[in-house]
PDB file of N, CA and C in Angstrom:
ATOM      1  N   MET A   1       5.883  42.478   6.586  1.00  0.00           N
ATOM      2  CA  MET A   1       5.078  41.564   5.828  1.00  0.00           C
ATOM      3  C   MET A   1       5.544  40.139   6.117  1.00  0.00           C
ATOM      4  N   THR A   2       4.610  39.285   6.482  1.00  0.00           N
ATOM      5  CA  THR A   2       4.959  37.894   6.764  1.00  0.00           C
ATOM      6  C   THR A   2       4.431  37.010   5.645  1.00  0.00           C
ATOM      7  N   VAL A   3       5.201  36.022   5.360  1.00  0.00           N
ATOM      8  CA  VAL A   3       4.805  35.062   4.340  1.00  0.00           C
ATOM      9  C   VAL A   3       4.365  33.796   5.065  1.00  0.00           C
ATOM     10  N   ASP A   4       3.182  33.325   4.715  1.00  0.00           N
ATOM     11  CA  ASP A   4       2.697  32.102   5.334  1.00  0.00           C
ATOM     12  C   ASP A   4       3.526  30.926   4.857  1.00  0.00           C
ATOM     13  N   GLU A   5       4.003  30.157   5.820  1.00  0.00           N
ATOM     14  CA  GLU A   5       4.726  28.941   5.491  1.00  0.00           C
ATOM     15  C   GLU A   5       3.711  27.882   5.073  1.00  0.00           C
ATOM     16  N   PRO A   6       4.034  27.113   4.051  1.00  0.00           N
ATOM     17  CA  PRO A   6       3.101  26.054   3.662  1.00  0.00           C
ATOM     18  C   PRO A   6       2.999  25.012   4.769  1.00  0.00           C
ATOM     19  N   THR A   7       1.826  24.475   4.932  1.00  0.00           N
ATOM     20  CA  THR A   7       1.624  23.422   5.905  1.00  0.00           C
ATOM     21  C   THR A   7       2.034  22.106   5.264  1.00  0.00           C
ATOM     22  N   LEU A   8       2.964  21.439   5.904  1.00  0.00           N
ATOM     23  CA  LEU A   8       3.428  20.171   5.355  1.00  0.00           C
ATOM     24  C   LEU A   8       2.509  19.056   5.826  1.00  0.00           C
ATOM     25  N   PRO A   9       2.186  18.147   4.935  1.00  0.00           N
ATOM     26  CA  PRO A   9       1.245  17.078   5.277  1.00  0.00           C
ATOM     27  C   PRO A   9       1.884  16.002   6.153  1.00  0.00           C
ATOM     28  N   ASP A  10       1.040  15.299   6.892  1.00  0.00           N
ATOM     29  CA  ASP A  10       1.486  14.132   7.642  1.00  0.00           C
ATOM     30  C   ASP A  10       1.481  12.935   6.699  1.00  0.00           C
ATOM     31  N   LEU A  11       2.377  11.998   6.950  1.00  0.00           N
ATOM     32  CA  LEU A  11       2.418  10.768   6.160  1.00  0.00           C
ATOM     33  C   LEU A  11       1.655   9.682   6.899  1.00  0.00           C
ATOM     34  N   ASP A  12       0.870   8.927   6.176  1.00  0.00           N
ATOM     35  CA  ASP A  12       0.078   7.835   6.746  1.00  0.00           C
ATOM     36  C   ASP A  12       1.027   6.835   7.415  1.00  0.00           C
ATOM     37  N   PRO A  13       0.938   6.670   8.741  1.00  0.00           N
ATOM     38  CA  PRO A  13       1.870   5.777   9.430  1.00  0.00           C
ATOM     39  C   PRO A  13       1.691   4.306   9.066  1.00  0.00           C
ATOM     40  N   VAL A  14       0.518   3.922   8.622  1.00  0.00           N
ATOM     41  CA  VAL A  14       0.307   2.528   8.223  1.00  0.00           C
ATOM     42  C   VAL A  14       1.101   2.231   6.956  1.00  0.00           C
ATOM     43  N   ILE A  15       1.091   3.132   6.018  1.00  0.00           N
ATOM     44  CA  ILE A  15       1.802   2.925   4.753  1.00  0.00           C
ATOM     45  C   ILE A  15       3.283   3.263   4.883  1.00  0.00           C
ATOM     46  N   HIS A  16       3.628   4.181   5.772  1.00  0.00           N
ATOM     47  CA  HIS A  16       4.981   4.717   5.827  1.00  0.00           C
ATOM     48  C   HIS A  16       6.056   3.688   6.188  1.00  0.00           C
ATOM     49  N   ALA A  17       5.702   2.646   6.926  1.00  0.00           N
ATOM     50  CA  ALA A  17       6.696   1.611   7.236  1.00  0.00           C
ATOM     51  C   ALA A  17       7.215   1.030   5.923  1.00  0.00           C
ATOM     52  N   GLN A  18       8.532   0.889   5.808  1.00  0.00           N
ATOM     53  CA  GLN A  18       9.140   0.526   4.530  1.00  0.00           C
ATOM     54  C   GLN A  18       8.529  -0.724   3.904  1.00  0.00           C
ATOM     55  N   ALA A  19       8.371  -1.782   4.669  1.00  0.00           N
ATOM     56  CA  ALA A  19       7.842  -3.026   4.096  1.00  0.00           C
ATOM     57  C   ALA A  19       6.410  -2.835   3.611  1.00  0.00           C
ATOM     58  N   ARG A  20       5.578  -2.127   4.381  1.00  0.00           N
ATOM     59  CA  ARG A  20       4.194  -1.913   3.961  1.00  0.00           C
ATOM     60  C   ARG A  20       4.118  -0.989   2.761  1.00  0.00           C
ATOM     61  N   LEU A  21       5.004  -0.020   2.686  1.00  0.00           N
ATOM     62  CA  LEU A  21       5.058   0.857   1.514  1.00  0.00           C
ATOM     63  C   LEU A  21       5.373   0.028   0.265  1.00  0.00           C
ATOM     64  N   ARG A  22       6.299  -0.900   0.381  1.00  0.00           N
ATOM     65  CA  ARG A  22       6.635  -1.766  -0.747  1.00  0.00           C
ATOM     66  C   ARG A  22       5.442  -2.626  -1.159  1.00  0.00           C
ATOM     67  N   VAL A  23       4.708  -3.151  -0.172  1.00  0.00           N
ATOM     68  CA  VAL A  23       3.534  -3.977  -0.461  1.00  0.00           C
ATOM     69  C   VAL A  23       2.488  -3.155  -1.204  1.00  0.00           C
ATOM     70  N   VAL A  24       2.163  -1.986  -0.661  1.00  0.00           N
ATOM     71  CA  VAL A  24       1.118  -1.150  -1.262  1.00  0.00           C
ATOM     72  C   VAL A  24       1.551  -0.660  -2.648  1.00  0.00           C
ATOM     73  N   ALA A  25       2.806  -0.294  -2.794  1.00  0.00           N
ATOM     74  CA  ALA A  25       3.298   0.150  -4.102  1.00  0.00           C
ATOM     75  C   ALA A  25       3.181  -0.972  -5.130  1.00  0.00           C
ATOM     76  N   ALA A  26       3.522  -2.187  -4.737  1.00  0.00           N
ATOM     77  CA  ALA A  26       3.407  -3.322  -5.659  1.00  0.00           C
ATOM     78  C   ALA A  26       1.948  -3.588  -6.016  1.00  0.00           C
ATOM     79  N   LEU A  27       1.073  -3.583  -5.018  1.00  0.00           N
ATOM     80  CA  LEU A  27      -0.345  -3.853  -5.272  1.00  0.00           C
ATOM     81  C   LEU A  27      -0.996  -2.750  -6.098  1.00  0.00           C
ATOM     82  N   SER A  28      -0.487  -1.534  -5.978  1.00  0.00           N
ATOM     83  CA  SER A  28      -1.072  -0.414  -6.726  1.00  0.00           C
ATOM     84  C   SER A  28      -0.850  -0.568  -8.229  1.00  0.00           C
ATOM     85  N   GLN A  29       0.084  -1.419  -8.614  1.00  0.00           N
ATOM     86  CA  GLN A  29       0.359  -1.638 -10.035  1.00  0.00           C
ATOM     87  C   GLN A  29      -0.660  -2.565 -10.685  1.00  0.00           C
ATOM     88  N   LEU A  30      -1.441  -3.278  -9.863  1.00  0.00           N
ATOM     89  CA  LEU A  30      -2.480  -4.155 -10.392  1.00  0.00           C
ATOM     90  C   LEU A  30      -3.679  -3.327 -10.833  1.00  0.00           C
ATOM     91  N   ASN A  31      -4.461  -3.857 -11.758  1.00  0.00           N
ATOM     92  CA  ASN A  31      -5.730  -3.222 -12.100  1.00  0.00           C
ATOM     93  C   ASN A  31      -6.641  -3.278 -10.880  1.00  0.00           C
ATOM     94  N   ARG A  32      -7.617  -2.394 -10.837  1.00  0.00           N
ATOM     95  CA  ARG A  32      -8.464  -2.246  -9.652  1.00  0.00           C
ATOM     96  C   ARG A  32      -9.043  -3.537  -9.086  1.00  0.00           C
ATOM     97  N   ASP A  33      -9.523  -4.430  -9.902  1.00  0.00           N
ATOM     98  CA  ASP A  33     -10.161  -5.643  -9.401  1.00  0.00           C
ATOM     99  C   ASP A  33      -9.260  -6.873  -9.452  1.00  0.00           C
ATOM    100  N   ASP A  34      -7.997  -6.689  -9.789  1.00  0.00           N
ATOM    101  CA  ASP A  34      -7.077  -7.821  -9.879  1.00  0.00           C
ATOM    102  C   ASP A  34      -6.546  -8.199  -8.506  1.00  0.00           C
ATOM    103  N   ARG A  35      -6.220  -9.469  -8.389  1.00  0.00           N
ATOM    104  CA  ARG A  35      -5.625 -10.004  -7.163  1.00  0.00           C
ATOM    105  C   ARG A  35      -4.321 -10.687  -7.538  1.00  0.00           C
ATOM    106  N   ILE A  36      -3.454 -10.823  -6.565  1.00  0.00           N
ATOM    107  CA  ILE A  36      -2.184 -11.507  -6.790  1.00  0.00           C
ATOM    108  C   ILE A  36      -2.060 -12.613  -5.753  1.00  0.00           C
ATOM    109  N   ALA A  37      -1.491 -13.728  -6.164  1.00  0.00           N
ATOM    110  CA  ALA A  37      -1.283 -14.841  -5.243  1.00  0.00           C
ATOM    111  C   ALA A  37      -0.194 -14.470  -4.240  1.00  0.00           C
ATOM    112  N   PHE A  38      -0.413 -14.864  -2.998  1.00  0.00           N
ATOM    113  CA  PHE A  38       0.540 -14.565  -1.928  1.00  0.00           C
ATOM    114  C   PHE A  38       1.969 -14.969  -2.298  1.00  0.00           C
ATOM    115  N   PRO A  39       2.202 -16.198  -2.810  1.00  0.00           N
ATOM    116  CA  PRO A  39       3.588 -16.566  -3.138  1.00  0.00           C
ATOM    117  C   PRO A  39       4.216 -15.668  -4.204  1.00  0.00           C
ATOM    118  N   ARG A  40       3.417 -15.217  -5.157  1.00  0.00           N
ATOM    119  CA  ARG A  40       3.945 -14.332  -6.211  1.00  0.00           C
ATOM    120  C   ARG A  40       4.314 -12.974  -5.621  1.00  0.00           C
ATOM    121  N   LEU A  41       3.452 -12.446  -4.736  1.00  0.00           N
ATOM    122  CA  LEU A  41       3.749 -11.167  -4.078  1.00  0.00           C
ATOM    123  C   LEU A  41       5.008 -11.308  -3.224  1.00  0.00           C
ATOM    124  N   GLN A  42       5.112 -12.419  -2.525  1.00  0.00           N
ATOM    125  CA  GLN A  42       6.288 -12.690  -1.697  1.00  0.00           C
ATOM    126  C   GLN A  42       7.551 -12.715  -2.549  1.00  0.00           C
ATOM    127  N   GLU A  43       7.457 -13.352  -3.716  1.00  0.00           N
ATOM    128  CA  GLU A  43       8.590 -13.441  -4.639  1.00  0.00           C
ATOM    129  C   GLU A  43       8.989 -12.058  -5.156  1.00  0.00           C
ATOM    130  N   ILE A  44       7.997 -11.264  -5.565  1.00  0.00           N
ATOM    131  CA  ILE A  44       8.267  -9.923  -6.085  1.00  0.00           C
ATOM    132  C   ILE A  44       8.954  -9.060  -5.033  1.00  0.00           C
ATOM    133  N   LEU A  45       8.459  -9.143  -3.799  1.00  0.00           N
ATOM    134  CA  LEU A  45       8.967  -8.282  -2.729  1.00  0.00           C
ATOM    135  C   LEU A  45      10.190  -8.858  -2.020  1.00  0.00           C
ATOM    136  N   ARG A  46      10.473 -10.137  -2.288  1.00  0.00           N
ATOM    137  CA  ARG A  46      11.591 -10.828  -1.626  1.00  0.00           C
ATOM    138  C   ARG A  46      11.460 -10.742  -0.105  1.00  0.00           C
ATOM    139  N   MET A  47      10.273 -11.094   0.368  1.00  0.00           N
ATOM    140  CA  MET A  47       9.996 -11.100   1.802  1.00  0.00           C
ATOM    141  C   MET A  47       9.715 -12.528   2.244  1.00  0.00           C
ATOM    142  N   THR A  48       9.975 -12.818   3.513  1.00  0.00           N
ATOM    143  CA  THR A  48       9.640 -14.135   4.040  1.00  0.00           C
ATOM    144  C   THR A  48       8.123 -14.219   4.204  1.00  0.00           C
ATOM    145  N   PRO A  49       7.573 -15.422   4.208  1.00  0.00           N
ATOM    146  CA  PRO A  49       6.126 -15.549   4.385  1.00  0.00           C
ATOM    147  C   PRO A  49       5.626 -14.915   5.684  1.00  0.00           C
ATOM    148  N   GLY A  50       6.362 -15.111   6.767  1.00  0.00           N
ATOM    149  CA  GLY A  50       5.948 -14.541   8.050  1.00  0.00           C
ATOM    150  C   GLY A  50       5.964 -13.028   8.044  1.00  0.00           C
ATOM    151  N   ASN A  51       7.017 -12.447   7.484  1.00  0.00           N
ATOM    152  CA  ASN A  51       7.133 -10.990   7.432  1.00  0.00           C
ATOM    153  C   ASN A  51       6.021 -10.392   6.573  1.00  0.00           C
ATOM    154  N   LEU A  52       5.795 -10.982   5.402  1.00  0.00           N
ATOM    155  CA  LEU A  52       4.740 -10.486   4.530  1.00  0.00           C
ATOM    156  C   LEU A  52       3.378 -10.614   5.208  1.00  0.00           C
ATOM    157  N   SER A  53       3.134 -11.733   5.875  1.00  0.00           N
ATOM    158  CA  SER A  53       1.857 -11.944   6.572  1.00  0.00           C
ATOM    159  C   SER A  53       1.599 -10.882   7.638  1.00  0.00           C
ATOM    160  N   VAL A  54       2.629 -10.552   8.402  1.00  0.00           N
ATOM    161  CA  VAL A  54       2.487  -9.540   9.454  1.00  0.00           C
ATOM    162  C   VAL A  54       2.103  -8.195   8.855  1.00  0.00           C
ATOM    163  N   HIS A  55       2.769  -7.805   7.789  1.00  0.00           N
ATOM    164  CA  HIS A  55       2.488  -6.509   7.177  1.00  0.00           C
ATOM    165  C   HIS A  55       1.139  -6.502   6.463  1.00  0.00           C
ATOM    166  N   LEU A  56       0.773  -7.612   5.851  1.00  0.00           N
ATOM    167  CA  LEU A  56      -0.549  -7.687   5.237  1.00  0.00           C
ATOM    168  C   LEU A  56      -1.647  -7.581   6.287  1.00  0.00           C
ATOM    169  N   ARG A  57      -1.423  -8.173   7.451  1.00  0.00           N
ATOM    170  CA  ARG A  57      -2.417  -8.097   8.524  1.00  0.00           C
ATOM    171  C   ARG A  57      -2.628  -6.645   8.962  1.00  0.00           C
ATOM    172  N   LYS A  58      -1.533  -5.896   9.105  1.00  0.00           N
ATOM    173  CA  LYS A  58      -1.643  -4.468   9.472  1.00  0.00           C
ATOM    174  C   LYS A  58      -2.414  -3.696   8.408  1.00  0.00           C
ATOM    175  N   LEU A  59      -2.105  -3.949   7.144  1.00  0.00           N
ATOM    176  CA  LEU A  59      -2.785  -3.262   6.053  1.00  0.00           C
ATOM    177  C   LEU A  59      -4.251  -3.685   5.976  1.00  0.00           C
ATOM    178  N   GLU A  60      -4.521  -4.940   6.270  1.00  0.00           N
ATOM    179  CA  GLU A  60      -5.902  -5.433   6.259  1.00  0.00           C
ATOM    180  C   GLU A  60      -6.699  -4.789   7.403  1.00  0.00           C
ATOM    181  N   GLU A  61      -6.090  -4.666   8.579  1.00  0.00           N
ATOM    182  CA  GLU A  61      -6.754  -4.023   9.716  1.00  0.00           C
ATOM    183  C   GLU A  61      -7.112  -2.575   9.404  1.00  0.00           C
ATOM    184  N   ALA A  62      -6.289  -1.919   8.589  1.00  0.00           N
ATOM    185  CA  ALA A  62      -6.551  -0.528   8.201  1.00  0.00           C
ATOM    186  C   ALA A  62      -7.559  -0.440   7.057  1.00  0.00           C
ATOM    187  N   GLY A  63      -7.929  -1.586   6.487  1.00  0.00           N
ATOM    188  CA  GLY A  63      -8.865  -1.591   5.364  1.00  0.00           C
ATOM    189  C   GLY A  63      -8.205  -1.298   4.033  1.00  0.00           C
ATOM    190  N   TYR A  64      -6.881  -1.411   3.974  1.00  0.00           N
ATOM    191  CA  TYR A  64      -6.149  -1.070   2.759  1.00  0.00           C
ATOM    192  C   TYR A  64      -5.981  -2.257   1.806  1.00  0.00           C
ATOM    193  N   VAL A  65      -5.987  -3.459   2.339  1.00  0.00           N
ATOM    194  CA  VAL A  65      -5.897  -4.645   1.490  1.00  0.00           C
ATOM    195  C   VAL A  65      -6.982  -5.636   1.882  1.00  0.00           C
ATOM    196  N   GLU A  66      -7.288  -6.487   0.921  1.00  0.00           N
ATOM    197  CA  GLU A  66      -8.212  -7.589   1.181  1.00  0.00           C
ATOM    198  C   GLU A  66      -7.448  -8.877   0.904  1.00  0.00           C
ATOM    199  N   VAL A  67      -7.473  -9.776   1.886  1.00  0.00           N
ATOM    200  CA  VAL A  67      -6.810 -11.064   1.753  1.00  0.00           C
ATOM    201  C   VAL A  67      -7.903 -12.124   1.695  1.00  0.00           C
ATOM    202  N   THR A  68      -7.907 -12.902   0.624  1.00  0.00           N
ATOM    203  CA  THR A  68      -8.927 -13.930   0.420  1.00  0.00           C
ATOM    204  C   THR A  68      -8.267 -15.298   0.397  1.00  0.00           C
ATOM    205  N   LYS A  69      -8.744 -16.165   1.270  1.00  0.00           N
ATOM    206  CA  LYS A  69      -8.247 -17.542   1.277  1.00  0.00           C
ATOM    207  C   LYS A  69      -9.259 -18.391   0.523  1.00  0.00           C
ATOM    208  N   THR A  70      -8.777 -19.126  -0.460  1.00  0.00           N
ATOM    209  CA  THR A  70      -9.639 -19.927  -1.318  1.00  0.00           C
ATOM    210  C   THR A  70      -8.909 -21.211  -1.683  1.00  0.00           C
ATOM    211  N   HIS A  71      -9.423 -21.913  -2.647  1.00  0.00           N
ATOM    212  CA  HIS A  71      -8.768 -23.121  -3.153  1.00  0.00           C
ATOM    213  C   HIS A  71      -8.724 -23.082  -4.667  1.00  0.00           C
ATOM    214  N   ARG A  72      -7.651 -23.582  -5.200  1.00  0.00           N
ATOM    215  CA  ARG A  72      -7.522 -23.820  -6.641  1.00  0.00           C
ATOM    216  C   ARG A  72      -7.454 -25.332  -6.779  1.00  0.00           C
ATOM    217  N   GLY A  73      -8.603 -25.899  -7.105  1.00  0.00           N
ATOM    218  CA  GLY A  73      -8.702 -27.353  -7.052  1.00  0.00           C
ATOM    219  C   GLY A  73      -8.668 -27.755  -5.583  1.00  0.00           C
ATOM    220  N   ARG A  74      -7.718 -28.571  -5.210  1.00  0.00           N
ATOM    221  CA  ARG A  74      -7.576 -28.977  -3.803  1.00  0.00           C
ATOM    222  C   ARG A  74      -6.472 -28.207  -3.093  1.00  0.00           C
ATOM    223  N   THR A  75      -5.831 -27.332  -3.820  1.00  0.00           N
ATOM    224  CA  THR A  75      -4.713 -26.591  -3.250  1.00  0.00           C
ATOM    225  C   THR A  75      -5.188 -25.263  -2.665  1.00  0.00           C
ATOM    226  N   PRO A  76      -4.859 -25.006  -1.383  1.00  0.00           N
ATOM    227  CA  PRO A  76      -5.233 -23.715  -0.801  1.00  0.00           C
ATOM    228  C   PRO A  76      -4.484 -22.584  -1.506  1.00  0.00           C
ATOM    229  N   ALA A  77      -5.162 -21.460  -1.648  1.00  0.00           N
ATOM    230  CA  ALA A  77      -4.558 -20.285  -2.284  1.00  0.00           C
ATOM    231  C   ALA A  77      -4.951 -19.042  -1.503  1.00  0.00           C
ATOM    232  N   THR A  78      -3.991 -18.158  -1.318  1.00  0.00           N
ATOM    233  CA  THR A  78      -4.247 -16.878  -0.669  1.00  0.00           C
ATOM    234  C   THR A  78      -4.037 -15.789  -1.707  1.00  0.00           C
ATOM    235  N   LEU A  79      -5.082 -14.991  -1.915  1.00  0.00           N
ATOM    236  CA  LEU A  79      -5.044 -13.921  -2.905  1.00  0.00           C
ATOM    237  C   LEU A  79      -5.106 -12.574  -2.193  1.00  0.00           C
ATOM    238  N   VAL A  80      -4.379 -11.607  -2.727  1.00  0.00           N
ATOM    239  CA  VAL A  80      -4.280 -10.291  -2.105  1.00  0.00           C
ATOM    240  C   VAL A  80      -4.634  -9.228  -3.126  1.00  0.00           C
ATOM    241  N   GLN A  81      -5.392  -8.224  -2.681  1.00  0.00           N
ATOM    242  CA  GLN A  81      -5.672  -7.085  -3.546  1.00  0.00           C
ATOM    243  C   GLN A  81      -5.753  -5.814  -2.723  1.00  0.00           C
ATOM    244  N   LEU A  82      -5.464  -4.708  -3.377  1.00  0.00           N
ATOM    245  CA  LEU A  82      -5.580  -3.389  -2.772  1.00  0.00           C
ATOM    246  C   LEU A  82      -7.047  -2.973  -2.830  1.00  0.00           C
ATOM    247  N   THR A  83      -7.595  -2.508  -1.716  1.00  0.00           N
ATOM    248  CA  THR A  83      -8.980  -2.047  -1.706  1.00  0.00           C
ATOM    249  C   THR A  83      -9.056  -0.633  -2.268  1.00  0.00           C
ATOM    250  N   ARG A  84     -10.257  -0.157  -2.511  1.00  0.00           N
ATOM    251  CA  ARG A  84     -10.412   1.237  -2.965  1.00  0.00           C
ATOM    252  C   ARG A  84      -9.841   2.191  -1.932  1.00  0.00           C
ATOM    253  N   ARG A  85     -10.130   1.900  -0.672  1.00  0.00           N
ATOM    254  CA  ARG A  85      -9.602   2.732   0.414  1.00  0.00           C
ATOM    255  C   ARG A  85      -8.076   2.705   0.412  1.00  0.00           C
ATOM    256  N   GLY A  86      -7.494   1.528   0.180  1.00  0.00           N
ATOM    257  CA  GLY A  86      -6.040   1.401   0.132  1.00  0.00           C
ATOM    258  C   GLY A  86      -5.432   2.150  -1.039  1.00  0.00           C
ATOM    259  N   ARG A  87      -6.091   2.073  -2.187  1.00  0.00           N
ATOM    260  CA  ARG A  87      -5.608   2.789  -3.369  1.00  0.00           C
ATOM    261  C   ARG A  87      -5.649   4.301  -3.127  1.00  0.00           C
ATOM    262  N   PHE A  88      -6.758   4.780  -2.537  1.00  0.00           N
ATOM    263  CA  PHE A  88      -6.886   6.205  -2.236  1.00  0.00           C
ATOM    264  C   PHE A  88      -5.822   6.628  -1.226  1.00  0.00           C
ATOM    265  N   ALA A  89      -5.615   5.820  -0.182  1.00  0.00           N
ATOM    266  CA  ALA A  89      -4.611   6.137   0.837  1.00  0.00           C
ATOM    267  C   ALA A  89      -3.223   6.213   0.221  1.00  0.00           C
ATOM    268  N   PHE A  90      -2.923   5.298  -0.711  1.00  0.00           N
ATOM    269  CA  PHE A  90      -1.619   5.325  -1.366  1.00  0.00           C
ATOM    270  C   PHE A  90      -1.472   6.565  -2.240  1.00  0.00           C
ATOM    271  N   GLU A  91      -2.514   6.914  -2.970  1.00  0.00           N
ATOM    272  CA  GLU A  91      -2.475   8.130  -3.795  1.00  0.00           C
ATOM    273  C   GLU A  91      -2.264   9.368  -2.927  1.00  0.00           C
ATOM    274  N   GLU A  92      -2.933   9.423  -1.783  1.00  0.00           N
ATOM    275  CA  GLU A  92      -2.758  10.537  -0.853  1.00  0.00           C
ATOM    276  C   GLU A  92      -1.336  10.547  -0.284  1.00  0.00           C
ATOM    277  N   TYR A  93      -0.807   9.377   0.004  1.00  0.00           N
ATOM    278  CA  TYR A  93       0.551   9.247   0.532  1.00  0.00           C
ATOM    279  C   TYR A  93       1.557   9.785  -0.485  1.00  0.00           C
ATOM    280  N   VAL A  94       1.405   9.384  -1.741  1.00  0.00           N
ATOM    281  CA  VAL A  94       2.309   9.840  -2.804  1.00  0.00           C
ATOM    282  C   VAL A  94       2.205  11.362  -2.966  1.00  0.00           C
ATOM    283  N   ALA A  95       0.985  11.892  -2.915  1.00  0.00           N
ATOM    284  CA  ALA A  95       0.800  13.341  -3.024  1.00  0.00           C
ATOM    285  C   ALA A  95       1.471  14.057  -1.848  1.00  0.00           C
ATOM    286  N   ALA A  96       1.356  13.482  -0.658  1.00  0.00           N
ATOM    287  CA  ALA A  96       1.992  14.081   0.518  1.00  0.00           C
ATOM    288  C   ALA A  96       3.510  14.071   0.371  1.00  0.00           C
ATOM    289  N   LEU A  97       4.056  12.985  -0.150  1.00  0.00           N
ATOM    290  CA  LEU A  97       5.507  12.928  -0.378  1.00  0.00           C
ATOM    291  C   LEU A  97       5.947  14.000  -1.367  1.00  0.00           C
ATOM    292  N   ARG A  98       5.166  14.154  -2.430  1.00  0.00           N
ATOM    293  CA  ARG A  98       5.507  15.187  -3.424  1.00  0.00           C
ATOM    294  C   ARG A  98       5.503  16.571  -2.787  1.00  0.00           C
ATOM    295  N   THR A  99       4.552  16.814  -1.913  1.00  0.00           N
ATOM    296  CA  THR A  99       4.473  18.112  -1.234  1.00  0.00           C
ATOM    297  C   THR A  99       5.669  18.301  -0.304  1.00  0.00           C
ATOM    298  N   LEU A 100       6.087  17.239   0.368  1.00  0.00           N
ATOM    299  CA  LEU A 100       7.258  17.327   1.248  1.00  0.00           C
ATOM    300  C   LEU A 100       8.531  17.592   0.455  1.00  0.00           C
ATOM    301  N   ILE A 101       8.620  16.974  -0.725  1.00  0.00           N
ATOM    302  CA  ILE A 101       9.804  17.128  -1.558  1.00  0.00           C
ATOM    303  C   ILE A 101       9.865  18.527  -2.172  1.00  0.00           C
ATOM    304  N   ASP A 102       8.730  19.006  -2.623  1.00  0.00           N
ATOM    305  CA  ASP A 102       8.682  20.317  -3.256  1.00  0.00           C
ATOM    306  C   ASP A 102       7.444  21.064  -2.748  1.00  0.00           C
ATOM    307  N   PRO A 103       7.552  21.699  -1.567  1.00  0.00           N
ATOM    308  CA  PRO A 103       6.386  22.344  -0.948  1.00  0.00           C
ATOM    309  C   PRO A 103       5.758  23.447  -1.799  1.00  0.00           C
ATOM    310  N   GLY A 104       6.490  24.037  -2.724  1.00  0.00           N
ATOM    311  CA  GLY A 104       5.951  25.122  -3.523  1.00  0.00           C
ATOM    312  C   GLY A 104       5.170  24.657  -4.751  1.00  0.00           C
ATOM    313  N   GLU A 105       5.285  23.366  -5.062  1.00  0.00           N
ATOM    314  CA  GLU A 105       4.633  22.846  -6.268  1.00  0.00           C
ATOM    315  C   GLU A 105       3.168  22.526  -5.970  1.00  0.00           C
ATOM    316  N   GLU A 106       2.322  22.865  -6.913  1.00  0.00           N
ATOM    317  CA  GLU A 106       0.896  22.571  -6.789  1.00  0.00           C
ATOM    318  C   GLU A 106       0.677  21.075  -7.004  1.00  0.00           C
ATOM    319  N   PRO A 107      -0.186  20.431  -6.182  1.00  0.00           N
ATOM    320  CA  PRO A 107      -0.482  19.020  -6.398  1.00  0.00           C
ATOM    321  C   PRO A 107      -1.170  18.809  -7.751  1.00  0.00           C
ATOM    322  N   SER A 108      -0.855  17.678  -8.387  1.00  0.00           N
ATOM    323  CA  SER A 108      -1.444  17.395  -9.694  1.00  0.00           C
ATOM    324  C   SER A 108      -2.717  16.599  -9.578  1.00  0.00           C
TER     325      SER A 108
END
């Protein structure tokens, strides 16, 4: 008698990079339609502007974040939010991690 081994899920390579995982995890804490100012996100994550920009660009290319450049009065402002696709991808990523950690547990 053979027992089928559970199939372990693949982890999303876009999210799996440590810096991008931190970005997506932070953005996932916002309400669905909320945005955060780039400097505030940078402060929370303790990342340099260049490093954060590079990772946001990768996430934006994947459709996981939306970056909006606007103005507050005369001051330029960059706002960031997690897209629906990004939120779903993060939820799937977390579920995949749970399965890797405990393959016998049913997903919630």
